[in-house]
Amino acid sequence: MGLRVEQTQAAAAKLELPLLHNDSAGMHSSELLLEAVTVCITHILNADSLQEALPDALKMIARVVRIDRMVIIENVFGVSVAPSAAVFFVWNSGDAPKVDTAAIIASSLDREALEECLSPLRKGDAVIGVRRLAKGPMRDLMTRLQVVSMLQVPIMLNGVYRGVIVFDDCKGEHEWTRA
């Protein structure tokens, strides 16, 4: 067995232990998340491709933060047009509502209003949404996606907004913090 495979298996095994015993292990959720992210980075760096590693990596993080869906949306830059958003990847837990996330996002009617709601992302700030508090197009989008609460974290590259990682809770109002 190659070193890369052994490292990935060791990283995955290491992550499973605290996730199964996180209450009794005495680890804080921030420590679990940091460990999960570290293990996921190792997993991704040791994989043959990002597409191969992403499902397992997202599943590991999703289990730690107890969410139902993760979506990665990238800004695609054309030669002479403004960037457009494209769904790069979607992970759903087994009991998440079955919706076509990419199609719903692509068919959102009031893009201008949604862009305004999500404008903090362009500055590098996260966006937190709770459906019962949301208004207009954001509430409509969350309803169509069957999302109760969500956290959107910008992906910045050299200070430029390149995309977003979305964490969806489809069952309850997750208490997201900006920390």
Foldseek 3Di string as FASTA:
>chain_A
DDPLVVLLVVLLVVLVVCLVVVVVVPDDLVRNLVSLQVSLVSQCVSDPHNVVSVQVSVVSNCSSLVFFKKWWWWFDDDDPDGTDIATPDMYGDPPADDDPLRVLVVPQDCVVVVCVQVVVLQQQAKHKDALVPDDDSVNVSCVRRLFRIKIWGFDADPSGGTIIMMTGHNPDHRDDDRD
